[in-house]
C-alpha atoms as a PDB file:
ATOM      1  CA  MET A   1     -32.880  21.783  39.579  1.00  0.00           C
ATOM      2  CA  GLU A   2     -33.331  22.449  43.282  1.00  0.00           C
ATOM      3  CA  ARG A   3     -31.543  19.218  44.157  1.00  0.00           C
ATOM      4  CA  ARG A   4     -28.713  20.105  41.772  1.00  0.00           C
ATOM      5  CA  ASP A   5     -28.339  23.539  43.402  1.00  0.00           C
ATOM      6  CA  TRP A   6     -28.345  21.905  46.850  1.00  0.00           C
ATOM      7  CA  SER A   7     -25.658  19.477  45.688  1.00  0.00           C
ATOM      8  CA  ILE A   8     -23.451  22.188  44.195  1.00  0.00           C
ATOM      9  CA  LYS A   9     -23.745  24.278  47.365  1.00  0.00           C
ATOM     10  CA  ALA A  10     -22.788  21.246  49.469  1.00  0.00           C
ATOM     11  CA  LEU A  11     -19.719  20.602  47.308  1.00  0.00           C
ATOM     12  CA  GLU A  12     -18.649  24.253  47.424  1.00  0.00           C
ATOM     13  CA  GLU A  13     -18.969  24.295  51.213  1.00  0.00           C
ATOM     14  CA  LEU A  14     -16.950  21.090  51.514  1.00  0.00           C
ATOM     15  CA  ILE A  15     -14.215  22.533  49.300  1.00  0.00           C
ATOM     16  CA  TYR A  16     -14.079  25.617  51.523  1.00  0.00           C
ATOM     17  CA  ILE A  17     -14.055  23.582  54.754  1.00  0.00           C
ATOM     18  CA  ASP A  18     -11.207  21.479  53.389  1.00  0.00           C
ATOM     19  CA  SER A  19      -9.065  24.620  53.155  1.00  0.00           C
ATOM     20  CA  LEU A  20      -9.430  25.575  56.842  1.00  0.00           C
ATOM     21  CA  ASP A  21      -6.978  24.889  59.656  1.00  0.00           C
ATOM     22  CA  ASP A  22      -7.483  21.704  61.673  1.00  0.00           C
ATOM     23  CA  GLU A  23      -9.750  22.975  64.473  1.00  0.00           C
ATOM     24  CA  GLN A  24     -11.993  24.974  62.150  1.00  0.00           C
ATOM     25  CA  ARG A  25     -12.000  22.139  59.641  1.00  0.00           C
ATOM     26  CA  ALA A  26     -13.148  19.589  62.220  1.00  0.00           C
ATOM     27  CA  ALA A  27     -15.944  21.882  63.421  1.00  0.00           C
ATOM     28  CA  GLY A  28     -16.908  22.755  59.847  1.00  0.00           C
ATOM     29  CA  LEU A  29     -17.104  19.108  58.876  1.00  0.00           C
ATOM     30  CA  GLU A  30     -19.360  18.409  61.830  1.00  0.00           C
ATOM     31  CA  ARG A  31     -21.714  21.200  60.744  1.00  0.00           C
ATOM     32  CA  TRP A  32     -21.521  20.091  57.098  1.00  0.00           C
ATOM     33  CA  VAL A  33     -22.519  16.532  57.931  1.00  0.00           C
ATOM     34  CA  GLY A  34     -25.386  17.800  60.092  1.00  0.00           C
ATOM     35  CA  LYS A  35     -26.599  20.055  57.314  1.00  0.00           C
ATOM     36  CA  TYR A  36     -26.223  17.729  54.327  1.00  0.00           C
ATOM     37  CA  LEU A  37     -26.250  14.154  55.593  1.00  0.00           C
ATOM     38  CA  ASP A  38     -28.481  14.010  58.682  1.00  0.00           C
ATOM     39  CA  ASP A  39     -31.690  13.991  56.630  1.00  0.00           C
ATOM     40  CA  SER A  40     -30.154  12.870  53.334  1.00  0.00           C
ATOM     41  CA  GLU A  41     -27.778  10.241  52.051  1.00  0.00           C
ATOM     42  CA  ILE A  42     -24.654  10.481  49.960  1.00  0.00           C
ATOM     43  CA  THR A  43     -26.661   8.999  47.070  1.00  0.00           C
ATOM     44  CA  ASP A  44     -28.979  12.061  47.104  1.00  0.00           C
ATOM     45  CA  PHE A  45     -26.322  14.287  45.549  1.00  0.00           C
ATOM     46  CA  ASP A  46     -27.113  15.249  41.957  1.00  0.00           C
ATOM     47  CA  LEU A  47     -23.842  16.249  40.341  1.00  0.00           C
ATOM     48  CA  PRO A  48     -22.051  15.657  37.044  1.00  0.00           C
ATOM     49  CA  THR A  49     -19.566  12.819  37.182  1.00  0.00           C
ATOM     50  CA  ASP A  50     -16.468  14.979  37.603  1.00  0.00           C
ATOM     51  CA  LYS A  51     -18.052  16.928  40.484  1.00  0.00           C
ATOM     52  CA  LEU A  52     -19.335  13.713  42.049  1.00  0.00           C
ATOM     53  CA  LEU A  53     -15.818  12.286  41.957  1.00  0.00           C
ATOM     54  CA  GLN A  54     -14.514  15.485  43.556  1.00  0.00           C
ATOM     55  CA  LEU A  55     -17.155  15.180  46.298  1.00  0.00           C
ATOM     56  CA  GLU A  56     -16.227  11.542  46.832  1.00  0.00           C
ATOM     57  CA  GLU A  57     -12.523  12.382  47.109  1.00  0.00           C
ATOM     58  CA  LEU A  58     -13.138  15.199  49.589  1.00  0.00           C
ATOM     59  CA  PHE A  59     -15.593  13.101  51.573  1.00  0.00           C
ATOM     60  CA  TYR A  60     -13.155  10.235  52.101  1.00  0.00           C
ATOM     61  CA  LYS A  61     -10.179  12.559  52.575  1.00  0.00           C
ATOM     62  CA  ASN A  62     -12.044  14.293  55.372  1.00  0.00           C
ATOM     63  CA  ILE A  63     -13.142  11.037  56.978  1.00  0.00           C
ATOM     64  CA  ASN A  64      -9.466  10.135  57.252  1.00  0.00           C
ATOM     65  CA  PHE A  65      -8.669  13.628  58.546  1.00  0.00           C
ATOM     66  CA  LEU A  66     -11.316  13.281  61.270  1.00  0.00           C
ATOM     67  CA  LYS A  67      -9.943   9.900  62.323  1.00  0.00           C
ATOM     68  CA  ALA A  68      -6.457  11.368  62.666  1.00  0.00           C
ATOM     69  CA  HIS A  69      -7.798  14.489  64.398  1.00  0.00           C
ATOM     70  CA  ARG A  70      -9.703  12.367  66.910  1.00  0.00           C
ATOM     71  CA  GLU A  71      -6.554  10.380  67.666  1.00  0.00           C
ATOM     72  CA  GLU A  72      -4.538  13.574  68.181  1.00  0.00           C
ATOM     73  CA  LYS A  73      -7.164  14.877  70.602  1.00  0.00           C
ATOM     74  CA  ARG A  74      -7.230  11.560  72.450  1.00  0.00           C
ATOM     75  CA  LEU A  75      -3.458  11.664  72.914  1.00  0.00           C
ATOM     76  CA  GLU A  76      -3.634  15.288  74.072  1.00  0.00           C
ATOM     77  CA  LEU A  77      -6.214  14.304  76.669  1.00  0.00           C
ATOM     78  CA  ILE A  78      -3.983  11.511  77.939  1.00  0.00           C
ATOM     79  CA  LYS A  79      -1.092  13.966  78.291  1.00  0.00           C
ATOM     80  CA  ILE A  80      -3.296  16.458  80.136  1.00  0.00           C
ATOM     81  CA  ASN A  81      -4.556  13.771  82.499  1.00  0.00           C
ATOM     82  CA  ASP A  82      -1.003  12.594  83.160  1.00  0.00           C
ATOM     83  CA  LEU A  83       0.058  16.150  83.887  1.00  0.00           C
ATOM     84  CA  LYS A  84      -2.897  16.620  86.249  1.00  0.00           C
ATOM     85  CA  LYS A  85      -1.952  13.430  88.100  1.00  0.00           C
ATOM     86  CA  PHE A  86       1.639  14.604  88.371  1.00  0.00           C
ATOM     87  CA  LEU A  87       0.611  18.020  89.714  1.00  0.00           C
ATOM     88  CA  ASP A  88      -1.827  16.519  92.216  1.00  0.00           C
ATOM     89  CA  HIS A  89       0.910  14.491  93.848  1.00  0.00           C
END
């Protein structure tokens, strides 16, 4: 039962994190992964099938979000560096 409670709490937190704006969502996902996946694996979740499918969907949706978020930040950094170069000259 303890593992089931842990799994339900993890899913509820992921649902909440998914509703946040981009910056908070990225930070929340980082904390979520540290809390639920650093010492465990995705196969450790004990959920009914429908909840497991919901977790899977959110998990992969947020992986794609983080990839896009990282790319946005990379492009912002390039723009900032270009601006710094322009202002230095």
